[in-house]
């Protein structure tokens, strides 16, 4: 996992939509979807529930979001 992956995850969690996160980060929607899927596969977790074209962060996702924010703030 890279710093960019953490930035992408954080943007999705904060925006609630992959398209909005992609726009904010100036990258394509499929790229954002791919990164989220890869994180979920690599760590065998479900970060978001996908319902009605909206994402809802799971409990594991909330924990991961705290971790990601901590790492990103230390990196900056």
PDB file of N, CA and C in Angstrom:
ATOM      1  N   UNK A   1       0.843  -1.164   0.000  1.00  0.00           N
ATOM      2  CA  UNK A   1       0.000   0.000   0.000  1.00  0.00           C
ATOM      3  C   UNK A   1       0.896   1.237   0.000  1.00  0.00           C
ATOM      4  N   UNK A   2       0.452   2.225  -0.756  1.00  0.00           N
ATOM      5  CA  UNK A   2       1.232   3.451  -0.878  1.00  0.00           C
ATOM      6  C   UNK A   2       0.527   4.613  -0.182  1.00  0.00           C
ATOM      7  N   UNK A   3       1.242   5.708  -0.046  1.00  0.00           N
ATOM      8  CA  UNK A   3       0.655   6.929   0.494  1.00  0.00           C
ATOM      9  C   UNK A   3      -0.501   7.369  -0.393  1.00  0.00           C
ATOM     10  N   UNK A   4      -0.328   7.233  -1.697  1.00  0.00           N
ATOM     11  CA  UNK A   4      -1.396   7.616  -2.634  1.00  0.00           C
ATOM     12  C   UNK A   4      -2.651   6.776  -2.394  1.00  0.00           C
ATOM     13  N   UNK A   5      -2.492   5.489  -2.117  1.00  0.00           N
ATOM     14  CA  UNK A   5      -3.640   4.629  -1.808  1.00  0.00           C
ATOM     15  C   UNK A   5      -4.380   5.150  -0.574  1.00  0.00           C
ATOM     16  N   UNK A   6      -3.627   5.572   0.439  1.00  0.00           N
ATOM     17  CA  UNK A   6      -4.242   6.114   1.645  1.00  0.00           C
ATOM     18  C   UNK A   6      -4.973   7.417   1.347  1.00  0.00           C
ATOM     19  N   UNK A   7      -4.397   8.251   0.488  1.00  0.00           N
ATOM     20  CA  UNK A   7      -5.055   9.501   0.091  1.00  0.00           C
ATOM     21  C   UNK A   7      -6.352   9.216  -0.649  1.00  0.00           C
ATOM     22  N   UNK A   8      -6.324   8.226  -1.520  1.00  0.00           N
ATOM     23  CA  UNK A   8      -7.520   7.857  -2.282  1.00  0.00           C
ATOM     24  C   UNK A   8      -8.594   7.313  -1.350  1.00  0.00           C
ATOM     25  N   UNK A   9      -8.230   6.401  -0.469  1.00  0.00           N
ATOM     26  CA  UNK A   9      -9.192   5.853   0.483  1.00  0.00           C
ATOM     27  C   UNK A   9      -9.813   6.964   1.322  1.00  0.00           C
ATOM     28  N   UNK A  10      -8.992   7.870   1.832  1.00  0.00           N
ATOM     29  CA  UNK A  10      -9.470   8.965   2.670  1.00  0.00           C
ATOM     30  C   UNK A  10     -10.446   9.855   1.901  1.00  0.00           C
ATOM     31  N   UNK A  11     -10.130  10.150   0.654  1.00  0.00           N
ATOM     32  CA  UNK A  11     -11.020  10.982  -0.169  1.00  0.00           C
ATOM     33  C   UNK A  11     -12.371  10.297  -0.379  1.00  0.00           C
ATOM     34  N   UNK A  12     -12.356   8.998  -0.622  1.00  0.00           N
ATOM     35  CA  UNK A  12     -13.613   8.261  -0.807  1.00  0.00           C
ATOM     36  C   UNK A  12     -14.411   8.273   0.493  1.00  0.00           C
ATOM     37  N   UNK A  13     -13.755   8.022   1.607  1.00  0.00           N
ATOM     38  CA  UNK A  13     -14.439   7.991   2.899  1.00  0.00           C
ATOM     39  C   UNK A  13     -15.044   9.353   3.234  1.00  0.00           C
ATOM     40  N   UNK A  14     -14.352  10.409   2.917  1.00  0.00           N
ATOM     41  CA  UNK A  14     -14.835  11.752   3.241  1.00  0.00           C
ATOM     42  C   UNK A  14     -15.928  12.226   2.295  1.00  0.00           C
ATOM     43  N   UNK A  15     -15.897  11.775   1.039  1.00  0.00           N
ATOM     44  CA  UNK A  15     -16.882  12.215   0.051  1.00  0.00           C
ATOM     45  C   UNK A  15     -18.087  11.285  -0.061  1.00  0.00           C
ATOM     46  N   UNK A  16     -17.915  10.029   0.314  1.00  0.00           N
ATOM     47  CA  UNK A  16     -19.019   9.074   0.240  1.00  0.00           C
ATOM     48  C   UNK A  16     -19.324   8.569  -1.147  1.00  0.00           C
ATOM     49  N   UNK A  17     -18.593   9.060  -2.133  1.00  0.00           N
ATOM     50  CA  UNK A  17     -18.800   8.632  -3.519  1.00  0.00           C
ATOM     51  C   UNK A  17     -17.456   8.535  -4.229  1.00  0.00           C
ATOM     52  N   UNK A  18     -17.325   7.508  -5.030  1.00  0.00           N
ATOM     53  CA  UNK A  18     -16.080   7.303  -5.769  1.00  0.00           C
ATOM     54  C   UNK A  18     -15.873   8.408  -6.797  1.00  0.00           C
ATOM     55  N   UNK A  19     -16.943   8.797  -7.483  1.00  0.00           N
ATOM     56  CA  UNK A  19     -16.824   9.846  -8.499  1.00  0.00           C
ATOM     57  C   UNK A  19     -16.373  11.171  -7.917  1.00  0.00           C
ATOM     58  N   UNK A  20     -16.910  11.525  -6.768  1.00  0.00           N
ATOM     59  CA  UNK A  20     -16.527  12.781  -6.121  1.00  0.00           C
ATOM     60  C   UNK A  20     -15.065  12.746  -5.677  1.00  0.00           C
ATOM     61  N   UNK A  21     -14.639  11.592  -5.169  1.00  0.00           N
ATOM     62  CA  UNK A  21     -13.236  11.445  -4.757  1.00  0.00           C
ATOM     63  C   UNK A  21     -12.312  11.541  -5.974  1.00  0.00           C
ATOM     64  N   UNK A  22     -12.710  10.909  -7.061  1.00  0.00           N
ATOM     65  CA  UNK A  22     -11.903  10.946  -8.288  1.00  0.00           C
ATOM     66  C   UNK A  22     -11.750  12.380  -8.787  1.00  0.00           C
ATOM     67  N   UNK A  23     -12.844  13.111  -8.776  1.00  0.00           N
ATOM     68  CA  UNK A  23     -12.805  14.508  -9.220  1.00  0.00           C
ATOM     69  C   UNK A  23     -11.880  15.337  -8.336  1.00  0.00           C
ATOM     70  N   UNK A  24     -11.996  15.150  -7.042  1.00  0.00           N
ATOM     71  CA  UNK A  24     -11.181  15.894  -6.083  1.00  0.00           C
ATOM     72  C   UNK A  24      -9.692  15.618  -6.285  1.00  0.00           C
ATOM     73  N   UNK A  25      -9.361  14.357  -6.629  1.00  0.00           N
ATOM     74  CA  UNK A  25      -7.963  13.951  -6.776  1.00  0.00           C
ATOM     75  C   UNK A  25      -7.449  14.053  -8.213  1.00  0.00           C
ATOM     76  N   UNK A  26      -8.324  14.447  -9.142  1.00  0.00           N
ATOM     77  CA  UNK A  26      -7.961  14.577 -10.555  1.00  0.00           C
ATOM     78  C   UNK A  26      -7.480  13.254 -11.154  1.00  0.00           C
ATOM     79  N   UNK A  27      -8.182  12.184 -10.823  1.00  0.00           N
ATOM     80  CA  UNK A  27      -7.887  10.875 -11.398  1.00  0.00           C
ATOM     81  C   UNK A  27      -9.200  10.240 -11.859  1.00  0.00           C
ATOM     82  N   UNK A  28      -9.111   9.149 -12.585  1.00  0.00           N
ATOM     83  CA  UNK A  28     -10.317   8.527 -13.119  1.00  0.00           C
ATOM     84  C   UNK A  28     -11.059   7.724 -12.058  1.00  0.00           C
ATOM     85  N   UNK A  29     -12.356   7.600 -12.277  1.00  0.00           N
ATOM     86  CA  UNK A  29     -13.197   6.833 -11.373  1.00  0.00           C
ATOM     87  C   UNK A  29     -12.774   5.364 -11.311  1.00  0.00           C
ATOM     88  N   UNK A  30     -12.455   4.723 -12.461  1.00  0.00           N
ATOM     89  CA  UNK A  30     -12.002   3.333 -12.388  1.00  0.00           C
ATOM     90  C   UNK A  30     -10.725   3.156 -11.571  1.00  0.00           C
ATOM     91  N   UNK A  31      -9.848   4.133 -11.601  1.00  0.00           N
ATOM     92  CA  UNK A  31      -8.622   4.056 -10.805  1.00  0.00           C
ATOM     93  C   UNK A  31      -8.951   4.043  -9.318  1.00  0.00           C
ATOM     94  N   UNK A  32      -9.864   4.902  -8.918  1.00  0.00           N
ATOM     95  CA  UNK A  32     -10.273   4.955  -7.507  1.00  0.00           C
ATOM     96  C   UNK A  32     -10.910   3.629  -7.102  1.00  0.00           C
ATOM     97  N   UNK A  33     -11.812   3.129  -7.924  1.00  0.00           N
ATOM     98  CA  UNK A  33     -12.473   1.844  -7.635  1.00  0.00           C
ATOM     99  C   UNK A  33     -11.459   0.722  -7.510  1.00  0.00           C
ATOM    100  N   UNK A  34     -10.484   0.727  -8.404  1.00  0.00           N
ATOM    101  CA  UNK A  34      -9.450  -0.310  -8.385  1.00  0.00           C
ATOM    102  C   UNK A  34      -8.630  -0.259  -7.089  1.00  0.00           C
ATOM    103  N   UNK A  35      -8.254   0.925  -6.672  1.00  0.00           N
ATOM    104  CA  UNK A  35      -7.456   1.068  -5.446  1.00  0.00           C
ATOM    105  C   UNK A  35      -8.240   0.558  -4.237  1.00  0.00           C
ATOM    106  N   UNK A  36      -9.503   0.939  -4.139  1.00  0.00           N
ATOM    107  CA  UNK A  36     -10.322   0.482  -3.009  1.00  0.00           C
ATOM    108  C   UNK A  36     -10.465  -1.036  -3.037  1.00  0.00           C
ATOM    109  N   UNK A  37     -10.725  -1.585  -4.201  1.00  0.00           N
ATOM    110  CA  UNK A  37     -10.844  -3.048  -4.335  1.00  0.00           C
ATOM    111  C   UNK A  37      -9.555  -3.755  -3.957  1.00  0.00           C
ATOM    112  N   UNK A  38      -8.431  -3.204  -4.374  1.00  0.00           N
ATOM    113  CA  UNK A  38      -7.139  -3.812  -4.057  1.00  0.00           C
ATOM    114  C   UNK A  38      -6.865  -3.806  -2.558  1.00  0.00           C
ATOM    115  N   UNK A  39      -7.182  -2.702  -1.896  1.00  0.00           N
ATOM    116  CA  UNK A  39      -6.983  -2.640  -0.438  1.00  0.00           C
ATOM    117  C   UNK A  39      -7.854  -3.699   0.236  1.00  0.00           C
ATOM    118  N   UNK A  40      -9.118  -3.780  -0.183  1.00  0.00           N
ATOM    119  CA  UNK A  40     -10.032  -4.755   0.412  1.00  0.00           C
ATOM    120  C   UNK A  40      -9.556  -6.189   0.180  1.00  0.00           C
ATOM    121  N   UNK A  41      -9.068  -6.470  -1.015  1.00  0.00           N
ATOM    122  CA  UNK A  41      -8.564  -7.820  -1.316  1.00  0.00           C
ATOM    123  C   UNK A  41      -7.292  -8.133  -0.540  1.00  0.00           C
ATOM    124  N   UNK A  42      -6.369  -7.180  -0.538  1.00  0.00           N
ATOM    125  CA  UNK A  42      -5.068  -7.410   0.096  1.00  0.00           C
ATOM    126  C   UNK A  42      -5.195  -7.675   1.593  1.00  0.00           C
ATOM    127  N   UNK A  43      -6.104  -6.949   2.241  1.00  0.00           N
ATOM    128  CA  UNK A  43      -6.237  -7.069   3.687  1.00  0.00           C
ATOM    129  C   UNK A  43      -7.462  -7.872   4.131  1.00  0.00           C
ATOM    130  N   UNK A  44      -8.172  -8.436   3.162  1.00  0.00           N
ATOM    131  CA  UNK A  44      -9.341  -9.284   3.441  1.00  0.00           C
ATOM    132  C   UNK A  44     -10.352  -8.582   4.353  1.00  0.00           C
ATOM    133  N   UNK A  45     -10.681  -7.345   3.991  1.00  0.00           N
ATOM    134  CA  UNK A  45     -11.648  -6.560   4.759  1.00  0.00           C
ATOM    135  C   UNK A  45     -12.650  -5.916   3.799  1.00  0.00           C
ATOM    136  N   UNK A  46     -13.758  -5.481   4.344  1.00  0.00           N
ATOM    137  CA  UNK A  46     -14.735  -4.722   3.576  1.00  0.00           C
ATOM    138  C   UNK A  46     -14.768  -3.321   4.179  1.00  0.00           C
ATOM    139  N   UNK A  47     -14.314  -2.340   3.410  1.00  0.00           N
ATOM    140  CA  UNK A  47     -14.210  -0.976   3.901  1.00  0.00           C
ATOM    141  C   UNK A  47     -15.504  -0.193   3.722  1.00  0.00           C
ATOM    142  N   UNK A  48     -16.277  -0.552   2.691  1.00  0.00           N
ATOM    143  CA  UNK A  48     -17.512   0.162   2.379  1.00  0.00           C
ATOM    144  C   UNK A  48     -18.632  -0.814   2.044  1.00  0.00           C
ATOM    145  N   UNK A  49     -19.842  -0.455   2.443  1.00  0.00           N
ATOM    146  CA  UNK A  49     -21.045  -1.130   1.967  1.00  0.00           C
ATOM    147  C   UNK A  49     -21.504  -0.329   0.767  1.00  0.00           C
ATOM    148  N   UNK A  50     -21.865  -0.997  -0.294  1.00  0.00           N
ATOM    149  CA  UNK A  50     -22.293  -0.310  -1.505  1.00  0.00           C
ATOM    150  C   UNK A  50     -23.800  -0.485  -1.667  1.00  0.00           C
ATOM    151  N   UNK A  51     -24.536   0.613  -1.471  1.00  0.00           N
ATOM    152  CA  UNK A  51     -25.994   0.583  -1.571  1.00  0.00           C
ATOM    153  C   UNK A  51     -26.487   1.796  -2.358  1.00  0.00           C
ATOM    154  N   UNK A  52     -27.315   1.550  -3.341  1.00  0.00           N
ATOM    155  CA  UNK A  52     -27.950   2.628  -4.104  1.00  0.00           C
ATOM    156  C   UNK A  52     -26.957   3.675  -4.603  1.00  0.00           C
ATOM    157  N   UNK A  53     -25.903   3.226  -5.216  1.00  0.00           N
ATOM    158  CA  UNK A  53     -24.889   4.096  -5.810  1.00  0.00           C
ATOM    159  C   UNK A  53     -24.199   5.010  -4.790  1.00  0.00           C
ATOM    160  N   UNK A  54     -24.304   4.657  -3.530  1.00  0.00           N
ATOM    161  CA  UNK A  54     -23.616   5.414  -2.476  1.00  0.00           C
ATOM    162  C   UNK A  54     -22.831   4.438  -1.622  1.00  0.00           C
ATOM    163  N   UNK A  55     -21.771   4.925  -1.066  1.00  0.00           N
ATOM    164  CA  UNK A  55     -20.929   4.105  -0.204  1.00  0.00           C
ATOM    165  C   UNK A  55     -21.160   4.477   1.252  1.00  0.00           C
ATOM    166  N   UNK A  56     -21.231   3.460   2.086  1.00  0.00           N
ATOM    167  CA  UNK A  56     -21.333   3.652   3.518  1.00  0.00           C
ATOM    168  C   UNK A  56     -20.143   2.967   4.155  1.00  0.00           C
ATOM    169  N   UNK A  57     -19.392   3.717   4.911  1.00  0.00           N
ATOM    170  CA  UNK A  57     -18.174   3.173   5.511  1.00  0.00           C
ATOM    171  C   UNK A  57     -18.538   2.164   6.609  1.00  0.00           C
ATOM    172  N   UNK A  58     -17.820   1.070   6.647  1.00  0.00           N
ATOM    173  CA  UNK A  58     -18.034   0.031   7.662  1.00  0.00           C
ATOM    174  C   UNK A  58     -17.253   0.386   8.927  1.00  0.00           C
ATOM    175  N   UNK A  59     -17.453  -0.399   9.972  1.00  0.00           N
ATOM    176  CA  UNK A  59     -16.691  -0.184  11.210  1.00  0.00           C
ATOM    177  C   UNK A  59     -15.198  -0.357  10.960  1.00  0.00           C
ATOM    178  N   UNK A  60     -14.852  -1.371  10.180  1.00  0.00           N
ATOM    179  CA  UNK A  60     -13.443  -1.586   9.823  1.00  0.00           C
ATOM    180  C   UNK A  60     -12.923  -0.402   9.017  1.00  0.00           C
ATOM    181  N   UNK A  61     -13.759   0.113   8.127  1.00  0.00           N
ATOM    182  CA  UNK A  61     -13.388   1.277   7.334  1.00  0.00           C
ATOM    183  C   UNK A  61     -13.120   2.497   8.193  1.00  0.00           C
ATOM    184  N   UNK A  62     -13.927   2.691   9.236  1.00  0.00           N
ATOM    185  CA  UNK A  62     -13.718   3.822  10.152  1.00  0.00           C
ATOM    186  C   UNK A  62     -12.388   3.693  10.886  1.00  0.00           C
ATOM    187  N   UNK A  63     -12.087   2.492  11.329  1.00  0.00           N
ATOM    188  CA  UNK A  63     -10.792   2.257  11.993  1.00  0.00           C
ATOM    189  C   UNK A  63      -9.642   2.538  11.038  1.00  0.00           C
ATOM    190  N   UNK A  64      -9.790   2.037   9.818  1.00  0.00           N
ATOM    191  CA  UNK A  64      -8.756   2.233   8.805  1.00  0.00           C
ATOM    192  C   UNK A  64      -8.620   3.712   8.459  1.00  0.00           C
ATOM    193  N   UNK A  65      -9.731   4.444   8.448  1.00  0.00           N
ATOM    194  CA  UNK A  65      -9.698   5.878   8.160  1.00  0.00           C
ATOM    195  C   UNK A  65      -8.874   6.610   9.217  1.00  0.00           C
ATOM    196  N   UNK A  66      -9.058   6.264  10.473  1.00  0.00           N
ATOM    197  CA  UNK A  66      -8.250   6.881  11.542  1.00  0.00           C
ATOM    198  C   UNK A  66      -6.766   6.595  11.336  1.00  0.00           C
ATOM    199  N   UNK A  67      -6.464   5.357  11.000  1.00  0.00           N
ATOM    200  CA  UNK A  67      -5.082   4.952  10.729  1.00  0.00           C
ATOM    201  C   UNK A  67      -4.528   5.740   9.538  1.00  0.00           C
ATOM    202  N   UNK A  68      -5.302   5.812   8.464  1.00  0.00           N
ATOM    203  CA  UNK A  68      -4.854   6.502   7.251  1.00  0.00           C
ATOM    204  C   UNK A  68      -4.598   7.979   7.526  1.00  0.00           C
ATOM    205  N   UNK A  69      -5.502   8.617   8.260  1.00  0.00           N
ATOM    206  CA  UNK A  69      -5.316  10.038   8.587  1.00  0.00           C
ATOM    207  C   UNK A  69      -4.056  10.254   9.424  1.00  0.00           C
ATOM    208  N   UNK A  70      -3.816   9.359  10.365  1.00  0.00           N
ATOM    209  CA  UNK A  70      -2.622   9.460  11.209  1.00  0.00           C
ATOM    210  C   UNK A  70      -1.351   9.335  10.359  1.00  0.00           C
ATOM    211  N   UNK A  71      -1.312   8.350   9.495  1.00  0.00           N
ATOM    212  CA  UNK A  71      -0.142   8.134   8.627  1.00  0.00           C
ATOM    213  C   UNK A  71       0.055   9.337   7.709  1.00  0.00           C
ATOM    214  N   UNK A  72      -1.032   9.823   7.103  1.00  0.00           N
ATOM    215  CA  UNK A  72      -0.924  10.961   6.176  1.00  0.00           C
ATOM    216  C   UNK A  72      -0.450  12.218   6.889  1.00  0.00           C
ATOM    217  N   UNK A  73      -0.935  12.453   8.099  1.00  0.00           N
ATOM    218  CA  UNK A  73      -0.492  13.655   8.815  1.00  0.00           C
ATOM    219  C   UNK A  73       0.983  13.552   9.188  1.00  0.00           C
ATOM    220  N   UNK A  74       1.436  12.362   9.561  1.00  0.00           N
ATOM    221  CA  UNK A  74       2.854  12.180   9.855  1.00  0.00           C
ATOM    222  C   UNK A  74       3.707  12.313   8.597  1.00  0.00           C
ATOM    223  N   UNK A  75       3.191  11.854   7.481  1.00  0.00           N
ATOM    224  CA  UNK A  75       3.923  11.934   6.219  1.00  0.00           C
ATOM    225  C   UNK A  75       4.094  13.387   5.785  1.00  0.00           C
ATOM    226  N   UNK A  76       3.044  14.167   5.955  1.00  0.00           N
ATOM    227  CA  UNK A  76       3.098  15.581   5.532  1.00  0.00           C
ATOM    228  C   UNK A  76       4.016  16.366   6.452  1.00  0.00           C
TER     229      UNK A  76
END
